[in-house]
Protein backbone atom coordinates (compact mmCIF):
# COMPACT_ATOMS: atom_id res chain seq x y z
CA MET A 1 -2.26 -18.33 20.62
CA LEU A 2 -4.89 -19.76 18.29
CA ARG A 3 -8.11 -20.05 20.29
CA ARG A 4 -10.83 -20.85 17.75
CA LEU A 5 -11.13 -21.73 14.05
CA PHE A 6 -14.39 -21.50 12.12
CA VAL A 7 -14.58 -23.13 8.66
CA ARG A 8 -17.57 -23.19 6.35
CA ASP A 9 -17.91 -24.73 2.83
CA PHE A 10 -14.18 -25.16 2.38
CA VAL A 11 -13.13 -28.07 0.05
CA ILE A 12 -14.83 -31.04 1.82
CA VAL A 13 -15.68 -29.25 5.06
CA ASP A 14 -19.29 -28.08 5.38
CA SER A 15 -19.15 -26.40 8.79
CA LEU A 16 -16.66 -26.73 11.66
CA GLU A 17 -16.03 -24.67 14.76
CA LEU A 18 -12.96 -25.83 16.67
CA ASP A 19 -11.71 -24.65 20.06
CA PHE A 20 -7.95 -25.05 20.57
CA ASP A 21 -5.97 -25.62 23.75
CA GLY A 22 -2.38 -24.65 24.46
CA GLY A 23 0.55 -27.03 24.63
CA PHE A 24 1.22 -29.77 22.09
CA GLY A 25 -1.73 -31.11 20.07
CA THR A 26 -1.94 -33.52 17.15
CA LEU A 27 -4.34 -34.12 14.26
CA THR A 28 -4.49 -37.76 13.20
CA GLY A 29 -6.53 -39.84 10.79
CA GLU A 30 -6.37 -41.85 7.59
CA THR A 31 -4.61 -40.46 4.55
CA GLY A 32 -6.96 -38.16 2.62
CA ALA A 33 -9.30 -37.64 5.56
CA GLY A 34 -8.70 -33.88 5.47
CA LYS A 35 -6.06 -33.28 8.15
CA SER A 36 -4.06 -30.89 6.02
CA ILE A 37 -7.26 -29.19 4.83
CA LEU A 38 -7.59 -27.57 8.26
CA ILE A 39 -4.04 -26.25 7.94
CA ASP A 40 -4.87 -24.95 4.46
CA ALA A 41 -7.97 -23.22 5.85
CA LEU A 42 -5.94 -21.54 8.58
CA SER A 43 -3.32 -20.52 6.00
CA LEU A 44 -6.07 -18.84 3.99
CA ALA A 45 -7.12 -16.86 7.06
CA LEU A 46 -3.47 -15.85 7.49
CA GLY A 47 -3.23 -14.35 4.00
CA GLU A 48 -2.36 -17.18 1.61
CA ARG A 49 -3.75 -16.83 -1.91
CA GLY A 50 -7.04 -18.58 -2.63
CA ASP A 51 -9.10 -19.44 -5.68
CA ALA A 52 -12.51 -20.82 -6.62
CA ALA A 53 -11.31 -24.43 -6.27
CA LEU A 54 -11.34 -24.00 -2.47
CA VAL A 55 -15.10 -23.44 -2.38
CA ARG A 56 -17.07 -26.61 -1.65
CA VAL A 57 -19.01 -27.96 -4.64
CA ASP A 58 -22.40 -26.27 -5.22
CA CYS A 59 -21.69 -23.58 -2.58
CA SER A 60 -21.55 -19.84 -3.18
CA ARG A 61 -18.52 -19.10 -1.02
CA ALA A 62 -16.03 -20.44 1.51
CA GLU A 63 -15.50 -18.64 4.81
CA ILE A 64 -12.74 -19.03 7.38
CA ALA A 65 -12.35 -17.13 10.64
CA ALA A 66 -9.47 -17.54 13.10
CA GLU A 67 -9.63 -16.11 16.61
CA PHE A 68 -6.41 -15.49 18.56
CA ASP A 69 -5.87 -14.81 22.23
CA LEU A 70 -3.25 -12.05 22.28
CA GLU A 71 -3.06 -12.07 26.07
CA LYS A 72 -1.21 -15.38 25.82
CA VAL A 73 1.03 -14.53 22.89
CA GLY A 74 4.14 -14.79 25.03
CA ALA A 75 6.25 -12.83 22.52
CA GLY A 76 5.55 -9.41 23.95
CA ASP A 77 3.05 -6.99 22.51
CA THR A 78 4.27 -7.25 18.91
CA ALA A 79 0.88 -8.13 17.44
CA ILE A 80 -0.94 -5.47 19.48
CA ALA A 81 1.66 -2.88 18.44
CA TRP A 82 1.15 -3.84 14.78
CA LEU A 83 -2.61 -3.47 15.10
CA ARG A 84 -2.33 -0.01 16.65
CA ALA A 85 0.22 1.10 14.07
CA ASN A 86 -2.18 0.08 11.30
CA ASP A 87 -5.24 1.73 12.91
CA TYR A 88 -7.04 -1.45 14.02
CA GLU A 89 -8.66 -2.05 17.37
CA ALA A 90 -6.25 -3.82 19.69
CA ASP A 91 -7.34 -5.76 22.75
CA ASP A 92 -6.86 -9.28 24.06
CA THR A 93 -8.76 -10.91 21.16
CA LEU A 94 -7.93 -10.75 17.45
CA LEU A 95 -10.23 -12.04 14.70
CA LEU A 96 -8.93 -12.73 11.19
CA ARG A 97 -11.56 -13.54 8.56
CA ARG A 98 -11.36 -14.53 4.90
CA VAL A 99 -14.12 -15.07 2.34
CA VAL A 100 -13.60 -16.59 -1.14
CA ASP A 101 -16.60 -16.74 -3.47
CA ALA A 102 -17.31 -19.27 -6.21
CA GLY A 103 -15.92 -16.86 -8.80
CA GLY A 104 -12.52 -16.77 -7.07
CA ARG A 105 -12.89 -13.25 -5.64
CA SER A 106 -11.54 -12.83 -2.14
CA ARG A 107 -12.19 -10.48 0.79
CA ALA A 108 -10.20 -10.19 4.01
CA TYR A 109 -10.98 -8.66 7.41
CA ILE A 110 -9.11 -7.85 10.62
CA ASN A 111 -11.36 -7.39 13.65
CA GLY A 112 -14.31 -6.90 11.32
CA LEU A 113 -12.66 -4.16 9.21
CA PRO A 114 -11.68 -4.73 5.54
CA THR A 115 -7.96 -5.25 4.96
CA THR A 116 -5.50 -6.28 2.25
CA LEU A 117 -3.87 -9.70 1.81
CA GLY A 118 -0.52 -8.06 2.47
CA GLN A 119 -1.65 -6.80 5.87
CA LEU A 120 -3.27 -10.16 6.64
CA ARG A 121 0.05 -11.89 5.90
CA GLU A 122 1.98 -9.39 8.03
CA ILE A 123 -0.12 -9.97 11.15
CA GLY A 124 -0.30 -13.71 10.38
CA GLU A 125 3.49 -14.03 10.38
CA LEU A 126 3.56 -12.56 13.89
CA LEU A 127 1.07 -15.16 15.15
CA VAL A 128 1.69 -18.47 13.38
CA ASP A 129 4.73 -20.26 11.94
CA ILE A 130 3.74 -23.11 9.57
CA HIS A 131 6.16 -25.83 8.44
CA GLY A 132 4.92 -27.81 5.44
CA GLN A 133 5.23 -31.55 4.85
CA HIS A 134 7.68 -31.15 1.95
CA ALA A 135 9.86 -28.49 3.55
CA HIS A 136 12.84 -30.88 3.83
CA LEU A 137 12.93 -31.29 0.03
CA SER A 138 13.68 -27.58 -0.39
CA LEU A 139 16.96 -28.19 1.44
CA LEU A 140 18.29 -29.67 -1.81
CA LYS A 141 18.14 -26.25 -3.52
CA PRO A 142 20.89 -23.67 -2.86
CA ASP A 143 18.48 -20.72 -3.03
CA SER A 144 16.16 -22.36 -0.49
CA GLN A 145 19.10 -23.12 1.81
CA ARG A 146 20.17 -19.48 1.70
CA ARG A 147 16.67 -18.11 2.37
CA LEU A 148 16.04 -20.56 5.21
CA PHE A 149 19.44 -19.81 6.76
CA ASP A 150 18.99 -16.02 6.57
CA ALA A 151 15.47 -16.27 7.99
CA GLN A 152 16.58 -18.50 10.87
CA ALA A 153 19.48 -16.15 11.60
CA GLY A 154 17.24 -13.06 11.52
CA LEU A 155 19.15 -11.66 8.54
CA SER A 156 16.29 -11.42 6.01
CA ASP A 157 15.99 -7.62 6.28
CA ILE A 158 19.68 -6.94 5.70
CA ALA A 159 19.68 -9.52 2.87
CA ARG A 160 16.89 -7.55 1.16
CA GLU A 161 18.90 -4.36 1.63
CA VAL A 162 21.91 -6.02 0.02
CA ALA A 163 19.74 -6.98 -2.96
CA ALA A 164 18.50 -3.38 -3.27
CA ARG A 165 22.02 -1.93 -3.12
CA HIS A 166 23.14 -4.49 -5.74
CA HIS A 167 20.34 -3.35 -8.03
CA ASP A 168 21.42 0.29 -7.64
CA TRP A 169 25.03 -0.52 -8.44
CA ARG A 170 24.14 -2.77 -11.37
CA SER A 171 21.93 -0.08 -12.93
CA LEU A 172 24.76 2.47 -12.79
CA HIS A 173 27.27 -0.08 -14.07
CA GLU A 174 25.13 -0.89 -17.11
CA ALA A 175 24.45 2.81 -17.73
CA ARG A 176 28.19 3.54 -17.79
CA LEU A 177 28.85 0.68 -20.21
CA GLN A 178 26.03 1.80 -22.45
CA ALA A 179 27.26 5.39 -22.43
CA ALA A 180 30.77 4.30 -23.37
CA GLY A 181 29.59 1.95 -26.12
CA ASP A 182 27.12 4.15 -28.04
CA VAL A 183 28.23 7.75 -27.76
CA GLU A 184 26.95 8.89 -31.17
CA ALA A 185 23.46 7.40 -30.74
CA MET A 186 23.14 8.99 -27.30
CA ARG A 187 24.26 12.36 -28.71
CA ARG A 188 21.55 12.23 -31.39
CA GLU A 189 18.91 11.28 -28.82
CA ARG A 190 20.09 14.05 -26.52
CA ASP A 191 19.85 16.67 -29.30
CA LEU A 192 16.33 15.54 -30.20
CA LEU A 193 15.19 15.59 -26.58
CA ASP A 194 16.69 19.04 -26.05
CA TRP A 195 14.71 20.42 -29.01
CA GLN A 196 11.48 18.72 -27.82
CA VAL A 197 11.92 20.00 -24.26
CA ARG A 198 12.49 23.59 -25.44
CA GLU A 199 9.45 23.40 -27.73
CA LEU A 200 7.11 22.14 -24.99
CA ALA A 201 8.56 24.50 -22.39
CA ALA A 202 7.82 27.44 -24.70
CA LEU A 203 4.16 26.38 -24.91
CA ALA A 204 3.91 26.39 -21.08
CA CYS A 205 0.75 24.32 -21.28
CA ASP A 206 -0.53 22.66 -18.12
CA PRO A 207 -4.09 21.36 -17.47
CA ALA A 208 -5.15 24.57 -15.67
CA GLN A 209 -3.78 26.86 -18.42
CA TRP A 210 -5.36 24.73 -21.15
CA ALA A 211 -8.78 24.95 -19.45
CA GLU A 212 -8.40 28.73 -18.98
CA ASP A 213 -7.38 29.26 -22.63
CA ASN A 214 -10.36 27.29 -23.90
CA ALA A 215 -12.78 29.18 -21.65
CA GLU A 216 -11.44 32.55 -22.81
CA HIS A 217 -11.58 31.42 -26.45
CA ARG A 218 -15.22 30.41 -26.10
CA ARG A 219 -16.04 33.75 -24.49
CA LEU A 220 -14.30 35.86 -27.16
CA SER A 221 -15.59 33.81 -30.09
CA HIS A 222 -19.16 34.33 -28.85
CA ALA A 223 -18.68 37.93 -27.69
CA VAL A 224 -21.27 39.39 -30.07
CA SER A 225 -24.05 37.03 -28.99
CA LEU A 226 -23.08 37.45 -25.34
CA ILE A 227 -23.30 41.27 -25.57
CA GLU A 228 -26.64 41.15 -27.37
CA GLY A 229 -28.09 38.63 -24.89
CA VAL A 230 -26.98 40.59 -21.81
CA GLU A 231 -28.36 43.88 -23.16
CA ALA A 232 -31.69 42.23 -24.00
CA ALA A 233 -31.95 40.77 -20.51
CA LEU A 234 -31.18 44.15 -18.92
CA ALA A 235 -33.86 45.77 -21.04
CA LEU A 236 -36.45 43.26 -19.85
CA ILE A 237 -35.51 43.86 -16.23
CA GLU A 238 -34.97 47.63 -16.07
CA GLU A 239 -36.86 49.46 -18.84
CA ASN A 240 -40.32 50.97 -18.32
CA GLY A 241 -42.97 48.35 -17.93
CA ALA A 242 -40.32 45.64 -17.50
CA ALA A 243 -39.97 43.00 -14.81
CA THR A 244 -38.62 45.22 -12.01
CA GLU A 245 -41.40 47.77 -12.33
CA LEU A 246 -44.08 45.10 -12.49
CA VAL A 247 -42.80 43.41 -9.34
CA ASP A 248 -42.63 46.79 -7.55
CA GLN A 249 -46.25 47.37 -8.41
CA ALA A 250 -47.26 43.95 -7.11
CA VAL A 251 -45.40 44.54 -3.82
CA GLY A 252 -47.17 47.87 -3.43
CA LYS A 253 -50.59 46.33 -4.07
CA LEU A 254 -50.12 43.69 -1.39
CA GLY A 255 -48.32 45.84 1.15
CA HIS A 256 -51.42 47.47 2.69
CA LEU A 257 -53.57 44.31 2.36
CA VAL A 258 -51.39 42.28 4.76
CA ASP A 259 -52.89 44.12 7.71
CA HIS A 260 -56.35 42.88 6.68
CA ASP A 261 -55.32 39.25 6.15
CA PRO A 262 -51.99 37.87 7.53
CA ALA A 263 -52.25 34.98 5.05
CA LEU A 264 -50.95 37.43 2.40
CA ARG A 265 -47.71 37.98 4.33
CA GLU A 266 -45.86 35.03 2.80
CA PRO A 267 -46.53 35.84 -0.91
CA ALA A 268 -45.77 39.51 -0.17
CA GLU A 269 -42.40 38.57 1.33
CA LEU A 270 -41.65 36.30 -1.63
CA LEU A 271 -42.37 39.12 -4.08
CA ASP A 272 -40.21 41.49 -2.06
CA GLY A 273 -37.38 38.97 -2.23
CA ALA A 274 -37.87 38.64 -5.98
CA ARG A 275 -37.60 42.42 -6.35
CA ILE A 276 -34.27 42.40 -4.48
CA GLN A 277 -32.93 39.49 -6.57
CA LEU A 278 -33.98 41.19 -9.81
CA SER A 279 -32.11 44.32 -8.71
CA GLU A 280 -28.97 42.32 -7.88
CA ALA A 281 -29.22 40.46 -11.19
CA ALA A 282 -29.44 43.75 -13.07
CA HIS A 283 -26.31 45.09 -11.31
CA ALA A 284 -24.41 41.83 -12.05
CA LEU A 285 -25.39 41.96 -15.74
CA SER A 286 -24.32 45.61 -15.93
CA ARG A 287 -20.90 44.83 -14.49
CA TYR A 288 -20.52 41.87 -16.85
CA ARG A 289 -21.44 44.05 -19.85
CA GLU A 290 -18.87 46.68 -18.85
CA ARG A 291 -16.09 44.07 -18.82
CA LEU A 292 -17.14 42.32 -22.02
CA GLU A 293 -15.81 43.74 -25.27
CA LEU A 294 -14.82 42.58 -28.72
CA ASP A 295 -11.08 41.82 -29.03
CA PRO A 296 -10.29 40.28 -32.44
CA ALA A 297 -6.55 40.46 -31.86
CA ARG A 298 -6.71 38.49 -28.60
CA LEU A 299 -9.06 35.98 -30.22
CA SER A 300 -6.59 35.48 -33.06
CA ASP A 301 -3.73 34.95 -30.58
CA LEU A 302 -5.75 32.37 -28.66
CA GLU A 303 -6.68 30.47 -31.80
CA ALA A 304 -3.02 30.31 -32.79
CA ARG A 305 -2.00 29.11 -29.35
CA ILE A 306 -4.71 26.43 -29.20
CA GLU A 307 -3.68 25.19 -32.64
CA ALA A 308 -0.02 25.01 -31.53
CA VAL A 309 -0.99 23.04 -28.41
CA MET A 310 -3.15 20.64 -30.45
CA ALA A 311 -0.31 20.12 -32.94
CA ALA A 312 2.13 19.31 -30.11
CA ALA A 313 -0.39 16.91 -28.56
CA ARG A 314 -0.81 15.10 -31.89
CA LYS A 315 2.96 14.91 -32.34
CA HIS A 316 3.48 13.30 -28.92
CA ARG A 317 0.24 11.26 -29.15
CA VAL A 318 -1.20 12.51 -25.90
CA ALA A 319 -4.13 14.67 -24.83
CA PRO A 320 -3.38 18.42 -24.49
CA GLU A 321 -3.88 18.11 -20.72
CA GLU A 322 -1.02 15.55 -20.62
CA LEU A 323 1.63 17.71 -22.30
CA ALA A 324 3.01 18.86 -18.92
CA ASP A 325 3.61 15.23 -17.90
CA THR A 326 5.22 14.55 -21.27
CA LEU A 327 7.54 17.52 -20.74
CA ALA A 328 8.54 16.21 -17.30
CA SER A 329 9.25 12.74 -18.73
CA LEU A 330 11.35 14.12 -21.59
CA GLN A 331 13.25 16.37 -19.20
CA ALA A 332 14.03 13.41 -16.90
CA ARG A 333 15.38 11.39 -19.81
CA LEU A 334 17.41 14.38 -21.03
CA ASP A 335 18.91 14.75 -17.55
CA GLU A 336 19.91 11.06 -17.62
CA LEU A 337 21.62 11.44 -20.99
CA GLN A 338 23.39 14.61 -19.91
CA ALA A 339 24.66 12.82 -16.82
CA ALA A 340 25.75 9.88 -18.98
CA ALA A 341 27.67 12.26 -21.21
CA ASP A 342 30.07 12.81 -18.30
CA PRO A 343 32.00 9.51 -17.96
CA GLU A 344 33.88 10.62 -14.88
CA ALA A 345 30.72 11.60 -13.00
CA LEU A 346 29.03 8.34 -13.98
CA ALA A 347 32.04 6.29 -12.92
CA ALA A 348 32.11 8.14 -9.59
CA LYS A 349 28.44 7.34 -8.97
CA GLU A 350 29.04 3.69 -9.84
CA ALA A 351 32.01 3.49 -7.47
CA ALA A 352 29.98 5.08 -4.67
CA ALA A 353 27.10 2.62 -5.23
CA LEU A 354 29.53 -0.33 -5.21
CA ALA A 355 31.13 0.90 -1.99
CA HIS A 356 27.68 1.21 -0.40
CA TYR A 357 26.84 -2.33 -1.52
CA ARG A 358 30.10 -3.73 -0.12
CA GLY A 359 29.51 -2.00 3.21
CA VAL A 360 26.07 -3.55 3.65
CA ALA A 361 27.23 -6.91 2.28
CA ALA A 362 30.09 -6.96 4.79
CA LYS A 363 27.57 -6.66 7.65
CA LEU A 364 25.58 -9.53 6.13
CA THR A 365 28.74 -11.64 5.84
CA LYS A 366 29.61 -11.00 9.48
CA GLY A 367 26.12 -11.97 10.62
CA ARG A 368 26.17 -15.11 8.47
CA ALA A 369 29.55 -16.21 9.80
CA LYS A 370 28.29 -16.05 13.38
CA ALA A 371 24.95 -17.70 12.60
CA ALA A 372 26.64 -20.49 10.60
CA LYS A 373 28.55 -21.67 13.66
CA GLU A 374 25.46 -21.53 15.87
CA LEU A 375 23.19 -23.38 13.42
CA GLY A 376 25.89 -25.98 12.67
CA LYS A 377 26.30 -26.80 16.37
CA ALA A 378 22.54 -26.84 17.06
CA VAL A 379 21.71 -29.16 14.15
CA THR A 380 24.69 -31.39 14.94
CA ASP A 381 23.44 -31.77 18.53
CA ALA A 382 19.94 -32.58 17.27
CA MET A 383 21.32 -35.21 14.86
CA GLN A 384 22.75 -37.14 17.79
CA GLN A 385 19.20 -37.54 19.15
CA LEU A 386 17.74 -38.47 15.76
CA ALA A 387 19.68 -41.73 15.26
CA MET A 388 22.58 -40.03 13.50
CA ALA A 389 25.19 -40.42 16.25
CA GLY A 390 28.58 -39.13 15.17
CA GLY A 391 27.03 -37.13 12.35
CA ARG A 392 27.93 -33.51 11.77
CA PHE A 393 26.21 -30.59 10.07
CA GLU A 394 27.79 -27.35 8.96
CA VAL A 395 26.94 -24.25 6.96
CA ALA A 396 29.73 -23.47 4.49
CA LEU A 397 30.24 -19.87 3.35
CA GLU A 398 32.28 -19.64 0.14
CA PRO A 399 33.49 -16.11 -0.82
CA LEU A 400 32.67 -14.80 -4.30
CA ASP A 401 34.98 -12.80 -6.54
CA ALA A 402 32.20 -10.59 -7.92
CA PRO A 403 29.25 -8.89 -6.21
CA ALA A 404 26.05 -10.96 -6.24
CA VAL A 405 22.47 -9.97 -5.54
CA PHE A 406 22.44 -12.21 -2.43
CA GLY A 407 25.78 -11.06 -0.99
CA MET A 408 29.49 -11.74 -1.26
CA GLU A 409 29.34 -15.47 -0.49
CA THR A 410 27.44 -18.62 -1.40
CA ILE A 411 25.77 -20.71 1.29
CA GLU A 412 25.83 -24.50 1.25
CA PHE A 413 24.50 -26.97 3.80
CA ARG A 414 26.95 -29.82 4.30
CA VAL A 415 26.59 -33.01 6.32
CA ALA A 416 28.65 -35.96 7.44
CA ALA A 417 26.14 -38.70 8.21
CA ASN A 418 28.68 -40.81 10.13
CA ALA A 419 31.67 -40.19 12.38
CA GLY A 420 35.01 -39.88 10.59
CA GLN A 421 33.52 -38.71 7.30
CA PRO A 422 34.20 -35.23 5.91
CA PRO A 423 31.11 -33.07 5.45
CA ARG A 424 29.83 -32.94 1.88
CA ALA A 425 27.01 -31.14 0.13
CA LEU A 426 23.66 -32.14 1.63
CA ALA A 427 22.10 -32.68 -1.79
CA LYS A 428 24.79 -35.22 -2.73
CA THR A 429 25.19 -37.26 0.43
CA ALA A 430 21.98 -37.45 2.50
CA SER A 431 19.56 -40.33 1.97
CA GLY A 432 15.81 -39.73 2.06
CA GLY A 433 15.54 -40.67 5.74
CA GLU A 434 18.59 -38.63 6.71
CA LEU A 435 17.28 -35.64 4.77
CA SER A 436 13.94 -35.89 6.61
CA ARG A 437 15.64 -35.97 9.99
CA ILE A 438 18.03 -33.12 9.21
CA GLY A 439 15.17 -31.07 7.77
CA LEU A 440 13.09 -31.70 10.89
CA ALA A 441 16.01 -30.74 13.14
CA ILE A 442 16.45 -27.45 11.23
CA GLN A 443 12.71 -26.70 11.41
CA VAL A 444 12.54 -27.39 15.14
CA ILE A 445 15.59 -25.17 15.72
CA ALA A 446 14.15 -22.45 13.48
CA SER A 447 10.87 -22.64 15.38
CA SER A 448 12.71 -22.26 18.67
CA ALA A 449 14.15 -19.01 17.37
CA SER A 450 10.78 -17.80 16.07
CA ASP A 451 8.67 -15.36 18.08
CA ALA A 452 5.40 -16.79 16.72
CA PRO A 453 3.27 -18.09 19.61
CA THR A 454 1.69 -20.86 17.49
CA LEU A 455 3.79 -23.44 15.61
CA ILE A 456 2.24 -25.83 13.09
CA PHE A 457 3.99 -28.89 11.65
CA ASP A 458 2.18 -30.51 8.72
CA GLU A 459 3.49 -34.10 8.40
CA VAL A 460 7.11 -32.96 8.80
CA ASP A 461 7.87 -36.38 10.32
CA VAL A 462 7.49 -38.17 6.97
CA GLY A 463 10.25 -40.71 6.40
CA ILE A 464 10.83 -41.17 10.15
CA GLY A 465 9.81 -44.08 12.35
CA GLY A 466 10.70 -46.26 15.32
CA GLY A 467 12.64 -44.75 18.17
CA VAL A 468 13.45 -41.64 16.13
CA ALA A 469 9.72 -40.91 15.89
CA GLU A 470 9.43 -41.02 19.67
CA ILE A 471 12.31 -38.57 19.99
CA VAL A 472 10.61 -36.29 17.48
CA GLY A 473 7.48 -36.41 19.63
CA ARG A 474 9.52 -35.43 22.66
CA LEU A 475 11.07 -32.49 20.78
CA LEU A 476 7.63 -31.22 19.77
CA LYS A 477 6.31 -31.72 23.29
CA GLN A 478 9.25 -29.73 24.60
CA LEU A 479 8.39 -26.91 22.18
CA GLY A 480 4.81 -27.09 23.46
CA ARG A 481 5.89 -26.15 26.97
CA ASP A 482 6.53 -22.55 25.94
CA ARG A 483 4.02 -22.10 23.11
CA GLN A 484 1.16 -23.70 21.24
CA VAL A 485 2.25 -26.53 18.90
CA LEU A 486 -0.06 -28.29 16.44
CA CYS A 487 1.17 -31.27 14.43
CA VAL A 488 -0.47 -33.28 11.64
CA THR A 489 1.04 -36.77 11.90
CA HIS A 490 0.65 -40.43 10.96
CA LEU A 491 3.08 -41.63 13.64
CA PRO A 492 1.65 -43.07 16.86
CA GLN A 493 4.95 -42.34 18.62
CA VAL A 494 4.45 -38.62 17.92
CA ALA A 495 0.71 -38.57 18.63
CA ALA A 496 1.19 -40.33 21.96
CA GLN A 497 3.39 -37.46 23.21
CA ALA A 498 0.66 -34.87 22.63
CA ASP A 499 -1.22 -33.05 25.38
CA TRP A 500 -4.42 -33.31 23.31
CA GLN A 501 -5.47 -35.05 20.12
CA TRP A 502 -8.14 -34.75 17.44
CA SER A 503 -9.20 -37.40 14.96
CA ILE A 504 -10.06 -36.40 11.36
CA ALA A 505 -12.27 -38.71 9.30
CA LYS A 506 -14.36 -38.66 6.14
CA GLU A 507 -18.09 -39.28 6.30
CA THR A 508 -20.67 -39.61 3.52
CA GLN A 509 -23.94 -37.79 4.12
CA ALA A 510 -26.68 -37.89 1.45
CA GLY A 511 -24.10 -38.91 -1.13
CA VAL A 512 -21.71 -36.06 -0.23
CA THR A 513 -18.28 -36.71 1.30
CA LEU A 514 -17.45 -34.45 4.23
CA SER A 515 -14.57 -34.16 6.66
CA GLN A 516 -15.35 -34.38 10.38
CA VAL A 517 -13.20 -33.53 13.40
CA THR A 518 -13.60 -35.35 16.72
CA PRO A 519 -11.78 -34.23 19.89
CA LEU A 520 -10.59 -37.40 21.64
CA ASP A 521 -10.90 -38.21 25.32
CA ALA A 522 -8.62 -40.74 27.03
CA ALA A 523 -10.56 -43.76 25.68
CA GLY A 524 -10.74 -42.24 22.22
CA ARG A 525 -7.00 -41.65 22.17
CA ILE A 526 -6.38 -45.27 23.06
CA ASP A 527 -8.47 -46.44 20.10
CA GLU A 528 -6.90 -43.92 17.72
CA ILE A 529 -3.32 -44.78 18.74
CA ALA A 530 -4.23 -48.45 18.44
CA ARG A 531 -5.54 -47.84 14.92
CA MET A 532 -2.32 -46.06 14.00
CA LEU A 533 -0.37 -49.02 15.39
CA GLY A 534 -2.41 -51.92 14.05
CA GLY A 535 -4.30 -50.81 10.97
CA VAL A 536 -7.94 -51.62 10.19
CA LYS A 537 -8.51 -54.29 12.84
CA ILE A 538 -7.94 -53.10 16.41
CA THR A 539 -7.17 -55.82 18.93
CA GLU A 540 -6.81 -55.77 22.66
CA THR A 541 -3.06 -56.22 22.17
CA THR A 542 -2.79 -53.04 20.14
CA ARG A 543 -4.99 -51.23 22.67
CA GLN A 544 -2.66 -52.35 25.46
CA HIS A 545 0.31 -51.14 23.47
CA ALA A 546 -1.49 -47.80 22.96
CA ARG A 547 -2.11 -47.52 26.72
CA GLU A 548 1.59 -48.07 27.35
CA MET A 549 2.58 -45.42 24.82
CA LEU A 550 0.14 -42.96 26.38
CA GLY A 551 1.46 -43.81 29.84
CA LEU A 552 -1.99 -44.84 31.09
């Protein structure tokens, strides 16, 4: 569960450190006070994208850190297993940290170690499930309905596999059509590629061979100067009066003097070492000279080869070192065209890919059919509590004639708002208030199926009031019995059901507007609920009503 949130220089927050409790908690306050800013800050720590606009004015960076107590996750050791699998320290406490500077650059950390946004999102999805304030509006879009339904049913992975298999089949289908429609153009391209592949293969030029050829060419083209230089060096080392003899004489001079003064031992040893090194250098130069010889024929062959490689590199507009990669690319394309030249083989591959797609899609269809009945019944039951008695919700699966990237059926949410009415498309029949209630019911049901130990609802109760709002509060409180639930709300009926409550308000300090968070005690909750009930002026009547709602 979320234990602590630290926010610094984020939008209109200068510095906040908040300690969270379990159960059901609410954030309340006037519109624009910054309630949702805290949710945005937590989202940033969980891997959402950020930019420079999130950094408070005149500050160098924004920083958010979220601490989680994994001992009380309640969903098994999933998060700890993820941490160990990704080589992070795993104990009872997890710290996620995010820094965004004024230039928009972002850094992320898990338990103090640098990480990627992708990894931050992965671990974040295991810990927190956030439902936004406009989530119910997405229910009007077929794509959103399908994604929400698959996610709630735990079918997202197989849906992605269906999309991948559809892509494989579609690629082969288009390749077969292209091969059948432009045979002559493909033949010409195949002939050209075959000639280019044979030409590059004959060169047999890879980066290592190219470097070796150039080194040998340099050696042969400078063979005369190399021979003369080596022989001159050997003469200086070995001939009478040369370096070796002079060093030998110096070693002999010092050898008998060391006994008289030990201070001469070090220079004597250095000279002795120099004599040995000179001897080894002379042997190495002699061996080199024996191997080195003039070879005009080999030099001519190398020059011809280097020129051929350079010409091929210019033709293909690459560096000589890249010719091997070019050959591999041309060969791959030639293989594709040769495969396309066999219509029967291509058709067989397409048929196999389509069969694979249909097999996976059939599993998805079976899972959707089962989940549709379960979600329809669960949402219908919830509608009865949300002032939609007699209403009915169902998930309609309509088969498709042709394969689609999302499966072999469309998904449509349908609702009958009143008893005796046939269900119709949600986008065409539900009013704003009904849509809010149905959306909330779906989110609460989806949250019940989620393994995330912390659930956050950001003003999902918009468009709801009266007795329905009280029922919504009860539903959230019920969720809070098994996990941590945090709700941003403007409804006193919802706030009054909470186990704990914070008030968010704006304050002006030295001409700067900042957001402040105040944990409320029993008296503070009475005043805050009274404000939510009665507006600007709080009377004893509204306070009494607040006490009644809080059960005090």
